[in-house]
Amino acid sequence: SCPSAKLCVAVDSSGNVLTSANPAGGASAWKRVDVDDGNDILGVSCPD
């Protein structure tokens, strides 16, 4: 979910959230953090 060109948020199958202020910038432009202890985060919505 990308509420703006300066923030995109992705979620993965191991409880991680990945964020980027430059989503087209490649792997180094994304930061991954574990927020949900290995659970599969199935969806995300960011209205802003």
All heavy atoms as atom14 arrays in JSON, in Angstrom:
{
  "sequence": "SCPSAKLCVAVDSSGNVLTSANPAGGASAWKRVDVDDGNDILGVSCPD",
  "atom14_mask": [
    [1, 1, 1, 1, 1, 1, 0, 0, 0, 0, 0, 0, 0, 0],
    [1, 1, 1, 1, 1, 1, 0, 0, 0, 0, 0, 0, 0, 0],
    [1, 1, 1, 1, 1, 1, 1, 0, 0, 0, 0, 0, 0, 0],
    [1, 1, 1, 1, 1, 1, 0, 0, 0, 0, 0, 0, 0, 0],
    [1, 1, 1, 1, 1, 0, 0, 0, 0, 0, 0, 0, 0, 0],
    [1, 1, 1, 1, 1, 1, 1, 1, 1, 0, 0, 0, 0, 0],
    [1, 1, 1, 1, 1, 1, 1, 1, 0, 0, 0, 0, 0, 0],
    [1, 1, 1, 1, 1, 1, 0, 0, 0, 0, 0, 0, 0, 0],
    [1, 1, 1, 1, 1, 1, 1, 0, 0, 0, 0, 0, 0, 0],
    [1, 1, 1, 1, 1, 0, 0, 0, 0, 0, 0, 0, 0, 0],
    [1, 1, 1, 1, 1, 1, 1, 0, 0, 0, 0, 0, 0, 0],
    [1, 1, 1, 1, 1, 1, 1, 1, 0, 0, 0, 0, 0, 0],
    [1, 1, 1, 1, 1, 1, 0, 0, 0, 0, 0, 0, 0, 0],
    [1, 1, 1, 1, 1, 1, 0, 0, 0, 0, 0, 0, 0, 0],
    [1, 1, 1, 1, 0, 0, 0, 0, 0, 0, 0, 0, 0, 0],
    [1, 1, 1, 1, 1, 1, 1, 1, 0, 0, 0, 0, 0, 0],
    [1, 1, 1, 1, 1, 1, 1, 0, 0, 0, 0, 0, 0, 0],
    [1, 1, 1, 1, 1, 1, 1, 1, 0, 0, 0, 0, 0, 0],
    [1, 1, 1, 1, 1, 1, 1, 0, 0, 0, 0, 0, 0, 0],
    [1, 1, 1, 1, 1, 1, 0, 0, 0, 0, 0, 0, 0, 0],
    [1, 1, 1, 1, 1, 0, 0, 0, 0, 0, 0, 0, 0, 0],
    [1, 1, 1, 1, 1, 1, 1, 1, 0, 0, 0, 0, 0, 0],
    [1, 1, 1, 1, 1, 1, 1, 0, 0, 0, 0, 0, 0, 0],
    [1, 1, 1, 1, 1, 0, 0, 0, 0, 0, 0, 0, 0, 0],
    [1, 1, 1, 1, 0, 0, 0, 0, 0, 0, 0, 0, 0, 0],
    [1, 1, 1, 1, 0, 0, 0, 0, 0, 0, 0, 0, 0, 0],
    [1, 1, 1, 1, 1, 0, 0, 0, 0, 0, 0, 0, 0, 0],
    [1, 1, 1, 1, 1, 1, 0, 0, 0, 0, 0, 0, 0, 0],
    [1, 1, 1, 1, 1, 0, 0, 0, 0, 0, 0, 0, 0, 0],
    [1, 1, 1, 1, 1, 1, 1, 1, 1, 1, 1, 1, 1, 1],
    [1, 1, 1, 1, 1, 1, 1, 1, 1, 0, 0, 0, 0, 0],
    [1, 1, 1, 1, 1, 1, 1, 1, 1, 1, 1, 0, 0, 0],
    [1, 1, 1, 1, 1, 1, 1, 0, 0, 0, 0, 0, 0, 0],
    [1, 1, 1, 1, 1, 1, 1, 1, 0, 0, 0, 0, 0, 0],
    [1, 1, 1, 1, 1, 1, 1, 0, 0, 0, 0, 0, 0, 0],
    [1, 1, 1, 1, 1, 1, 1, 1, 0, 0, 0, 0, 0, 0],
    [1, 1, 1, 1, 1, 1, 1, 1, 0, 0, 0, 0, 0, 0],
    [1, 1, 1, 1, 0, 0, 0, 0, 0, 0, 0, 0, 0, 0],
    [1, 1, 1, 1, 1, 1, 1, 1, 0, 0, 0, 0, 0, 0],
    [1, 1, 1, 1, 1, 1, 1, 1, 0, 0, 0, 0, 0, 0],
    [1, 1, 1, 1, 1, 1, 1, 1, 0, 0, 0, 0, 0, 0],
    [1, 1, 1, 1, 1, 1, 1, 1, 0, 0, 0, 0, 0, 0],
    [1, 1, 1, 1, 0, 0, 0, 0, 0, 0, 0, 0, 0, 0],
    [1, 1, 1, 1, 1, 1, 1, 0, 0, 0, 0, 0, 0, 0],
    [1, 1, 1, 1, 1, 1, 0, 0, 0, 0, 0, 0, 0, 0],
    [1, 1, 1, 1, 1, 1, 0, 0, 0, 0, 0, 0, 0, 0],
    [1, 1, 1, 1, 1, 1, 1, 0, 0, 0, 0, 0, 0, 0],
    [1, 1, 1, 1, 1, 1, 1, 1, 0, 0, 0, 0, 0, 0]
  ],
  "atom14_positions": [
    [[0.86, -1.18, 0.0], [0.0, 0.0, 0.0], [0.89, 1.23, 0.0], [1.79, 1.35, 0.84], [-0.92, 0.01, 1.23], [-1.82, 1.1, 1.18], [0.0, 0.0, 0.0], [0.0, 0.0, 0.0], [0.0, 0.0, 0.0], [0.0, 0.0, 0.0], [0.0, 0.0, 0.0], [0.0, 0.0, 0.0], [0.0, 0.0, 0.0], [0.0, 0.0, 0.0]],
    [[0.65, 2.12, -0.95], [1.46, 3.34, -1.1], [0.53, 4.55, -1.0], [-0.11, 4.93, -1.98], [2.17, 3.35, -2.44], [3.21, 1.9, -2.77], [0.0, 0.0, 0.0], [0.0, 0.0, 0.0], [0.0, 0.0, 0.0], [0.0, 0.0, 0.0], [0.0, 0.0, 0.0], [0.0, 0.0, 0.0], [0.0, 0.0, 0.0], [0.0, 0.0, 0.0]],
    [[0.45, 5.17, 0.18], [-0.41, 6.34, 0.3], [0.14, 7.57, -0.39], [-0.58, 8.53, -0.63], [-0.5, 6.54, 1.81], [0.75, 5.95, 2.35], [1.07, 4.79, 1.45], [0.0, 0.0, 0.0], [0.0, 0.0, 0.0], [0.0, 0.0, 0.0], [0.0, 0.0, 0.0], [0.0, 0.0, 0.0], [0.0, 0.0, 0.0], [0.0, 0.0, 0.0]],
    [[1.44, 7.56, -0.71], [2.06, 8.67, -1.43], [3.28, 8.15, -2.16], [3.73, 7.02, -1.92], [2.47, 9.79, -0.47], [3.69, 9.48, 0.18], [0.0, 0.0, 0.0], [0.0, 0.0, 0.0], [0.0, 0.0, 0.0], [0.0, 0.0, 0.0], [0.0, 0.0, 0.0], [0.0, 0.0, 0.0], [0.0, 0.0, 0.0], [0.0, 0.0, 0.0]],
    [[3.85, 8.97, -3.04], [5.06, 8.58, -3.74], [6.25, 8.49, -2.8], [7.27, 7.89, -3.13], [5.36, 9.58, -4.86], [0.0, 0.0, 0.0], [0.0, 0.0, 0.0], [0.0, 0.0, 0.0], [0.0, 0.0, 0.0], [0.0, 0.0, 0.0], [0.0, 0.0, 0.0], [0.0, 0.0, 0.0], [0.0, 0.0, 0.0], [0.0, 0.0, 0.0]],
    [[6.13, 9.05, -1.62], [7.21, 9.06, -0.64], [7.03, 8.02, 0.47], [7.83, 7.98, 1.41], [7.33, 10.45, 0.0], [7.74, 11.54, -0.98], [9.13, 11.28, -1.52], [9.58, 12.4, -2.43], [10.88, 12.1, -3.06], [0.0, 0.0, 0.0], [0.0, 0.0, 0.0], [0.0, 0.0, 0.0], [0.0, 0.0, 0.0], [0.0, 0.0, 0.0]],
    [[6.0, 7.2, 0.4], [5.85, 6.12, 1.36], [5.11, 4.95, 0.72], [3.97, 5.08, 0.29], [5.08, 6.56, 2.62], [4.86, 5.42, 3.64], [6.19, 4.94, 4.22], [3.91, 5.84, 4.74], [0.0, 0.0, 0.0], [0.0, 0.0, 0.0], [0.0, 0.0, 0.0], [0.0, 0.0, 0.0], [0.0, 0.0, 0.0], [0.0, 0.0, 0.0]],
    [[5.81, 3.82, 0.69], [5.17, 2.55, 0.34], [5.44, 1.58, 1.47], [6.54, 1.56, 2.05], [5.72, 1.99, -0.96], [4.99, 2.72, -2.44], [0.0, 0.0, 0.0], [0.0, 0.0, 0.0], [0.0, 0.0, 0.0], [0.0, 0.0, 0.0], [0.0, 0.0, 0.0], [0.0, 0.0, 0.0], [0.0, 0.0, 0.0], [0.0, 0.0, 0.0]],
    [[4.43, 0.78, 1.78], [4.52, -0.21, 2.85], [4.12, -1.56, 2.28], [3.03, -1.71, 1.73], [3.6, 0.17, 4.03], [3.65, -0.9, 5.12], [3.97, 1.54, 4.59], [0.0, 0.0, 0.0], [0.0, 0.0, 0.0], [0.0, 0.0, 0.0], [0.0, 0.0, 0.0], [0.0, 0.0, 0.0], [0.0, 0.0, 0.0], [0.0, 0.0, 0.0]],
    [[5.02, -2.53, 2.39], [4.73, -3.9, 1.97], [4.81, -4.81, 3.2], [5.47, -4.48, 4.19], [5.73, -4.36, 0.91], [0.0, 0.0, 0.0], [0.0, 0.0, 0.0], [0.0, 0.0, 0.0], [0.0, 0.0, 0.0], [0.0, 0.0, 0.0], [0.0, 0.0, 0.0], [0.0, 0.0, 0.0], [0.0, 0.0, 0.0], [0.0, 0.0, 0.0]],
    [[4.12, -5.93, 3.12], [4.15, -6.91, 4.21], [4.48, -8.28, 3.63], [4.21, -8.55, 2.46], [2.8, -6.95, 4.97], [2.58, -5.65, 5.72], [1.63, -7.24, 4.03], [0.0, 0.0, 0.0], [0.0, 0.0, 0.0], [0.0, 0.0, 0.0], [0.0, 0.0, 0.0], [0.0, 0.0, 0.0], [0.0, 0.0, 0.0], [0.0, 0.0, 0.0]],
    [[5.07, -9.15, 4.49], [5.48, -10.44, 3.97], [4.94, -11.6, 4.78], [4.19, -11.41, 5.75], [7.0, -10.5, 3.8], [7.78, -10.68, 5.09], [7.19, -10.98, 6.14], [9.02, -10.53, 5.03], [0.0, 0.0, 0.0], [0.0, 0.0, 0.0], [0.0, 0.0, 0.0], [0.0, 0.0, 0.0], [0.0, 0.0, 0.0], [0.0, 0.0, 0.0]],
    [[5.34, -12.79, 4.38], [4.8, -14.03, 4.95], [5.45, -14.42, 6.27], [5.11, -15.46, 6.84], [4.97, -15.17, 3.95], [6.34, -15.3, 3.58], [0.0, 0.0, 0.0], [0.0, 0.0, 0.0], [0.0, 0.0, 0.0], [0.0, 0.0, 0.0], [0.0, 0.0, 0.0], [0.0, 0.0, 0.0], [0.0, 0.0, 0.0], [0.0, 0.0, 0.0]],
    [[6.38, -13.61, 6.78], [7.05, -13.93, 8.04], [6.93, -12.83, 9.09], [7.76, -12.72, 9.98], [8.54, -14.23, 7.78], [8.68, -15.42, 7.06], [0.0, 0.0, 0.0], [0.0, 0.0, 0.0], [0.0, 0.0, 0.0], [0.0, 0.0, 0.0], [0.0, 0.0, 0.0], [0.0, 0.0, 0.0], [0.0, 0.0, 0.0], [0.0, 0.0, 0.0]],
    [[5.9, -12.0, 8.96], [5.65, -10.98, 9.97], [6.45, -9.72, 9.83], [6.52, -8.9, 10.76], [0.0, 0.0, 0.0], [0.0, 0.0, 0.0], [0.0, 0.0, 0.0], [0.0, 0.0, 0.0], [0.0, 0.0, 0.0], [0.0, 0.0, 0.0], [0.0, 0.0, 0.0], [0.0, 0.0, 0.0], [0.0, 0.0, 0.0], [0.0, 0.0, 0.0]],
    [[7.05, -9.51, 8.66], [7.85, -8.31, 8.43], [7.05, -7.23, 7.71], [6.19, -7.53, 6.88], [9.09, -8.64, 7.6], [10.0, -9.62, 8.28], [10.41, -9.4, 9.41], [10.31, -10.72, 7.6], [0.0, 0.0, 0.0], [0.0, 0.0, 0.0], [0.0, 0.0, 0.0], [0.0, 0.0, 0.0], [0.0, 0.0, 0.0], [0.0, 0.0, 0.0]],
    [[7.4, -5.98, 8.02], [6.92, -4.82, 7.29], [8.12, -4.21, 6.58], [9.19, -4.06, 7.17], [6.27, -3.79, 8.24], [6.02, -2.48, 7.53], [4.98, -4.34, 8.82], [0.0, 0.0, 0.0], [0.0, 0.0, 0.0], [0.0, 0.0, 0.0], [0.0, 0.0, 0.0], [0.0, 0.0, 0.0], [0.0, 0.0, 0.0], [0.0, 0.0, 0.0]],
    [[7.94, -3.9, 5.3], [9.0, -3.26, 4.52], [8.5, -1.9, 4.1], [7.39, -1.76, 3.58], [9.35, -4.1, 3.3], [9.91, -5.5, 3.59], [8.78, -6.52, 3.64], [10.93, -5.91, 2.56], [0.0, 0.0, 0.0], [0.0, 0.0, 0.0], [0.0, 0.0, 0.0], [0.0, 0.0, 0.0], [0.0, 0.0, 0.0], [0.0, 0.0, 0.0]],
    [[9.31, -0.86, 4.32], [8.9, 0.5, 3.99], [9.95, 1.16, 3.11], [11.14, 0.84, 3.16], [8.72, 1.35, 5.26], [9.95, 1.37, 6.0], [7.6, 0.81, 6.12], [0.0, 0.0, 0.0], [0.0, 0.0, 0.0], [0.0, 0.0, 0.0], [0.0, 0.0, 0.0], [0.0, 0.0, 0.0], [0.0, 0.0, 0.0], [0.0, 0.0, 0.0]],
    [[9.48, 2.12, 2.3], [10.39, 2.86, 1.44], [9.87, 4.26, 1.17], [8.67, 4.45, 0.95], [10.59, 2.14, 0.1], [11.49, 2.86, -0.72], [0.0, 0.0, 0.0], [0.0, 0.0, 0.0], [0.0, 0.0, 0.0], [0.0, 0.0, 0.0], [0.0, 0.0, 0.0], [0.0, 0.0, 0.0], [0.0, 0.0, 0.0], [0.0, 0.0, 0.0]],
    [[10.79, 5.21, 1.18], [10.48, 6.58, 0.75], [10.83, 6.77, -0.72], [10.55, 7.82, -1.3], [11.26, 7.58, 1.6], [0.0, 0.0, 0.0], [0.0, 0.0, 0.0], [0.0, 0.0, 0.0], [0.0, 0.0, 0.0], [0.0, 0.0, 0.0], [0.0, 0.0, 0.0], [0.0, 0.0, 0.0], [0.0, 0.0, 0.0], [0.0, 0.0, 0.0]],
    [[11.43, 5.75, -1.33], [11.81, 5.77, -2.75], [11.59, 4.38, -3.32], [12.53, 3.64, -3.57], [13.28, 6.2, -2.88], [13.74, 6.21, -4.32], [12.95, 6.28, -5.26], [15.06, 6.14, -4.52], [0.0, 0.0, 0.0], [0.0, 0.0, 0.0], [0.0, 0.0, 0.0], [0.0, 0.0, 0.0], [0.0, 0.0, 0.0], [0.0, 0.0, 0.0]],
    [[10.33, 3.99, -3.5], [10.02, 2.59, -3.82], [10.61, 2.09, -5.12], [10.8, 0.87, -5.28], [8.49, 2.56, -3.85], [8.05, 3.98, -3.9], [9.13, 4.8, -3.32], [0.0, 0.0, 0.0], [0.0, 0.0, 0.0], [0.0, 0.0, 0.0], [0.0, 0.0, 0.0], [0.0, 0.0, 0.0], [0.0, 0.0, 0.0], [0.0, 0.0, 0.0]],
    [[10.93, 2.96, -6.05], [11.53, 2.53, -7.32], [13.06, 2.5, -7.23], [13.74, 2.24, -8.22], [11.09, 3.46, -8.45], [0.0, 0.0, 0.0], [0.0, 0.0, 0.0], [0.0, 0.0, 0.0], [0.0, 0.0, 0.0], [0.0, 0.0, 0.0], [0.0, 0.0, 0.0], [0.0, 0.0, 0.0], [0.0, 0.0, 0.0], [0.0, 0.0, 0.0]],
    [[13.62, 2.71, -6.03], [15.06, 2.87, -5.88], [15.85, 1.59, -5.67], [17.04, 1.65, -5.43], [0.0, 0.0, 0.0], [0.0, 0.0, 0.0], [0.0, 0.0, 0.0], [0.0, 0.0, 0.0], [0.0, 0.0, 0.0], [0.0, 0.0, 0.0], [0.0, 0.0, 0.0], [0.0, 0.0, 0.0], [0.0, 0.0, 0.0], [0.0, 0.0, 0.0]],
    [[15.22, 0.43, -5.72], [15.94, -0.81, -5.54], [15.94, -1.29, -4.11], [15.39, -0.66, -3.21], [0.0, 0.0, 0.0], [0.0, 0.0, 0.0], [0.0, 0.0, 0.0], [0.0, 0.0, 0.0], [0.0, 0.0, 0.0], [0.0, 0.0, 0.0], [0.0, 0.0, 0.0], [0.0, 0.0, 0.0], [0.0, 0.0, 0.0], [0.0, 0.0, 0.0]],
    [[16.6, -2.44, -3.88], [16.57, -3.09, -2.57], [17.06, -2.18, -1.45], [16.52, -2.2, -0.35], [17.37, -4.38, -2.61], [0.0, 0.0, 0.0], [0.0, 0.0, 0.0], [0.0, 0.0, 0.0], [0.0, 0.0, 0.0], [0.0, 0.0, 0.0], [0.0, 0.0, 0.0], [0.0, 0.0, 0.0], [0.0, 0.0, 0.0], [0.0, 0.0, 0.0]],
    [[18.1, -1.41, -1.7], [18.67, -0.56, -0.65], [17.73, 0.55, -0.21], [17.93, 1.15, 0.85], [20.0, 0.04, -1.12], [19.79, 0.88, -2.23], [0.0, 0.0, 0.0], [0.0, 0.0, 0.0], [0.0, 0.0, 0.0], [0.0, 0.0, 0.0], [0.0, 0.0, 0.0], [0.0, 0.0, 0.0], [0.0, 0.0, 0.0], [0.0, 0.0, 0.0]],
    [[16.7, 0.81, -1.0], [15.74, 1.87, -0.66], [14.63, 1.37, 0.25], [13.77, 2.15, 0.67], [15.14, 2.47, -1.93], [0.0, 0.0, 0.0], [0.0, 0.0, 0.0], [0.0, 0.0, 0.0], [0.0, 0.0, 0.0], [0.0, 0.0, 0.0], [0.0, 0.0, 0.0], [0.0, 0.0, 0.0], [0.0, 0.0, 0.0], [0.0, 0.0, 0.0]],
    [[14.62, 0.06, 0.55], [13.58, -0.53, 1.38], [14.17, -0.97, 2.72], [15.28, -1.51, 2.76], [12.95, -1.74, 0.68], [12.09, -1.37, -0.49], [12.51, -1.06, -1.74], [10.67, -1.25, -0.49], [11.43, -0.77, -2.55], [10.28, -0.88, -1.8], [9.68, -1.43, 0.47], [8.96, -0.68, -2.16], [8.36, -1.24, 0.11], [8.0, -0.87, -1.19]],
    [[13.43, -0.75, 3.8], [13.84, -1.17, 5.13], [12.87, -2.22, 5.64], [11.65, -2.02, 5.6], [13.85, 0.05, 6.06], [14.29, -0.27, 7.48], [14.45, 1.0, 8.3], [13.13, 1.41, 8.89], [13.22, 2.51, 9.86], [0.0, 0.0, 0.0], [0.0, 0.0, 0.0], [0.0, 0.0, 0.0], [0.0, 0.0, 0.0], [0.0, 0.0, 0.0]],
    [[13.4, -3.34, 6.13], [12.57, -4.44, 6.63], [12.7, -4.55, 8.14], [13.8, -4.57, 8.67], [12.98, -5.75, 5.96], [12.12, -6.95, 6.39], [12.48, -8.19, 5.63], [13.72, -8.76, 6.13], [14.23, -9.93, 5.71], [13.61, -10.63, 4.78], [15.35, -10.38, 6.2], [0.0, 0.0, 0.0], [0.0, 0.0, 0.0], [0.0, 0.0, 0.0]],
    [[11.55, -4.62, 8.82], [11.55, -4.83, 10.28], [10.53, -5.91, 10.62], [9.48, -6.02, 9.98], [11.23, -3.54, 11.06], [12.33, -2.51, 10.88], [9.87, -2.96, 10.67], [0.0, 0.0, 0.0], [0.0, 0.0, 0.0], [0.0, 0.0, 0.0], [0.0, 0.0, 0.0], [0.0, 0.0, 0.0], [0.0, 0.0, 0.0], [0.0, 0.0, 0.0]],
    [[10.85, -6.73, 11.6], [9.94, -7.77, 12.08], [8.99, -7.15, 13.09], [9.42, -6.63, 14.11], [10.74, -8.9, 12.73], [9.86, -10.05, 13.21], [8.63, -10.0, 13.01], [10.41, -11.0, 13.78], [0.0, 0.0, 0.0], [0.0, 0.0, 0.0], [0.0, 0.0, 0.0], [0.0, 0.0, 0.0], [0.0, 0.0, 0.0], [0.0, 0.0, 0.0]],
    [[7.69, -7.19, 12.79], [6.7, -6.6, 13.7], [5.7, -7.61, 14.23], [4.97, -7.32, 15.18], [5.94, -5.43, 13.02], [6.9, -4.36, 12.54], [5.05, -5.9, 11.89], [0.0, 0.0, 0.0], [0.0, 0.0, 0.0], [0.0, 0.0, 0.0], [0.0, 0.0, 0.0], [0.0, 0.0, 0.0], [0.0, 0.0, 0.0], [0.0, 0.0, 0.0]],
    [[5.64, -8.82, 13.65], [4.55, -9.74, 13.98], [5.02, -11.17, 14.23], [4.31, -12.12, 13.95], [3.49, -9.69, 12.87], [2.17, -10.32, 13.27], [1.94, -10.54, 14.47], [1.36, -10.61, 12.36], [0.0, 0.0, 0.0], [0.0, 0.0, 0.0], [0.0, 0.0, 0.0], [0.0, 0.0, 0.0], [0.0, 0.0, 0.0], [0.0, 0.0, 0.0]],
    [[6.23, -11.32, 14.73], [6.72, -12.59, 15.27], [6.48, -13.8, 14.36], [6.0, -14.84, 14.78], [6.06, -12.83, 16.64], [6.82, -13.88, 17.46], [8.03, -14.04, 17.22], [6.18, -14.54, 18.3], [0.0, 0.0, 0.0], [0.0, 0.0, 0.0], [0.0, 0.0, 0.0], [0.0, 0.0, 0.0], [0.0, 0.0, 0.0], [0.0, 0.0, 0.0]],
    [[6.79, -13.65, 13.09], [6.72, -14.77, 12.16], [5.37, -15.07, 11.56], [5.25, -15.98, 10.74], [0.0, 0.0, 0.0], [0.0, 0.0, 0.0], [0.0, 0.0, 0.0], [0.0, 0.0, 0.0], [0.0, 0.0, 0.0], [0.0, 0.0, 0.0], [0.0, 0.0, 0.0], [0.0, 0.0, 0.0], [0.0, 0.0, 0.0], [0.0, 0.0, 0.0]],
    [[4.32, -14.36, 11.93], [3.0, -14.59, 11.34], [2.95, -14.07, 9.9], [3.66, -13.14, 9.53], [1.92, -13.9, 12.17], [1.69, -14.6, 13.49], [1.52, -15.8, 13.54], [1.71, -13.83, 14.57], [0.0, 0.0, 0.0], [0.0, 0.0, 0.0], [0.0, 0.0, 0.0], [0.0, 0.0, 0.0], [0.0, 0.0, 0.0], [0.0, 0.0, 0.0]],
    [[2.1, -14.68, 9.11], [1.9, -14.27, 7.72], [0.96, -13.07, 7.7], [-0.23, -13.2, 7.98], [1.31, -15.44, 6.94], [1.23, -15.2, 5.44], [1.53, -14.08, 5.0], [0.88, -16.14, 4.72], [0.0, 0.0, 0.0], [0.0, 0.0, 0.0], [0.0, 0.0, 0.0], [0.0, 0.0, 0.0], [0.0, 0.0, 0.0], [0.0, 0.0, 0.0]],
    [[1.5, -11.89, 7.39], [0.66, -10.69, 7.27], [0.07, -10.7, 5.86], [0.78, -10.56, 4.88], [1.45, -9.4, 7.55], [2.14, -9.48, 8.91], [0.51, -8.19, 7.5], [3.05, -8.29, 9.21], [0.0, 0.0, 0.0], [0.0, 0.0, 0.0], [0.0, 0.0, 0.0], [0.0, 0.0, 0.0], [0.0, 0.0, 0.0], [0.0, 0.0, 0.0]],
    [[-1.22, -10.86, 5.77], [-1.88, -11.14, 4.5], [-2.28, -9.89, 3.72], [-2.5, -9.98, 2.51], [-3.12, -12.0, 4.75], [-2.82, -13.35, 5.41], [-4.1, -14.01, 5.85], [-2.04, -14.23, 4.46], [0.0, 0.0, 0.0], [0.0, 0.0, 0.0], [0.0, 0.0, 0.0], [0.0, 0.0, 0.0], [0.0, 0.0, 0.0], [0.0, 0.0, 0.0]],
    [[-2.39, -8.76, 4.39], [-2.8, -7.55, 3.69], [-2.42, -6.33, 4.48], [-2.15, -6.4, 5.68], [0.0, 0.0, 0.0], [0.0, 0.0, 0.0], [0.0, 0.0, 0.0], [0.0, 0.0, 0.0], [0.0, 0.0, 0.0], [0.0, 0.0, 0.0], [0.0, 0.0, 0.0], [0.0, 0.0, 0.0], [0.0, 0.0, 0.0], [0.0, 0.0, 0.0]],
    [[-2.38, -5.18, 3.79], [-2.09, -3.91, 4.45], [-2.8, -2.8, 3.68], [-2.92, -2.86, 2.46], [-0.57, -3.64, 4.54], [0.06, -3.46, 3.16], [-0.27, -2.45, 5.43], [0.0, 0.0, 0.0], [0.0, 0.0, 0.0], [0.0, 0.0, 0.0], [0.0, 0.0, 0.0], [0.0, 0.0, 0.0], [0.0, 0.0, 0.0], [0.0, 0.0, 0.0]],
    [[-3.3, -1.82, 4.43], [-3.93, -0.65, 3.82], [-3.47, 0.59, 4.56], [-3.55, 0.64, 5.79], [-5.45, -0.77, 3.88], [-6.07, 0.37, 3.3], [0.0, 0.0, 0.0], [0.0, 0.0, 0.0], [0.0, 0.0, 0.0], [0.0, 0.0, 0.0], [0.0, 0.0, 0.0], [0.0, 0.0, 0.0], [0.0, 0.0, 0.0], [0.0, 0.0, 0.0]],
    [[-2.99, 1.56, 3.8], [-2.51, 2.82, 4.37], [-3.27, 3.97, 3.72], [-2.96, 4.38, 2.6], [-1.01, 2.99, 4.11], [0.01, 1.61, 4.63], [0.0, 0.0, 0.0], [0.0, 0.0, 0.0], [0.0, 0.0, 0.0], [0.0, 0.0, 0.0], [0.0, 0.0, 0.0], [0.0, 0.0, 0.0], [0.0, 0.0, 0.0], [0.0, 0.0, 0.0]],
    [[-4.31, 4.49, 4.38], [-5.08, 5.57, 3.79], [-4.31, 6.87, 3.68], [-4.61, 7.72, 2.85], [-6.28, 5.72, 4.72], [-5.84, 5.13, 6.02], [-4.85, 4.07, 5.68], [0.0, 0.0, 0.0], [0.0, 0.0, 0.0], [0.0, 0.0, 0.0], [0.0, 0.0, 0.0], [0.0, 0.0, 0.0], [0.0, 0.0, 0.0], [0.0, 0.0, 0.0]],
    [[-3.3, 7.05, 4.54], [-2.39, 8.19, 4.44], [-1.08, 7.81, 5.09], [-0.91, 6.69, 5.58], [-3.01, 9.46, 5.05], [-3.36, 9.3, 6.52], [-2.52, 8.77, 7.29], [-4.47, 9.7, 6.92], [0.0, 0.0, 0.0], [0.0, 0.0, 0.0], [0.0, 0.0, 0.0], [0.0, 0.0, 0.0], [0.0, 0.0, 0.0], [0.0, 0.0, 0.0]]
  ]
}
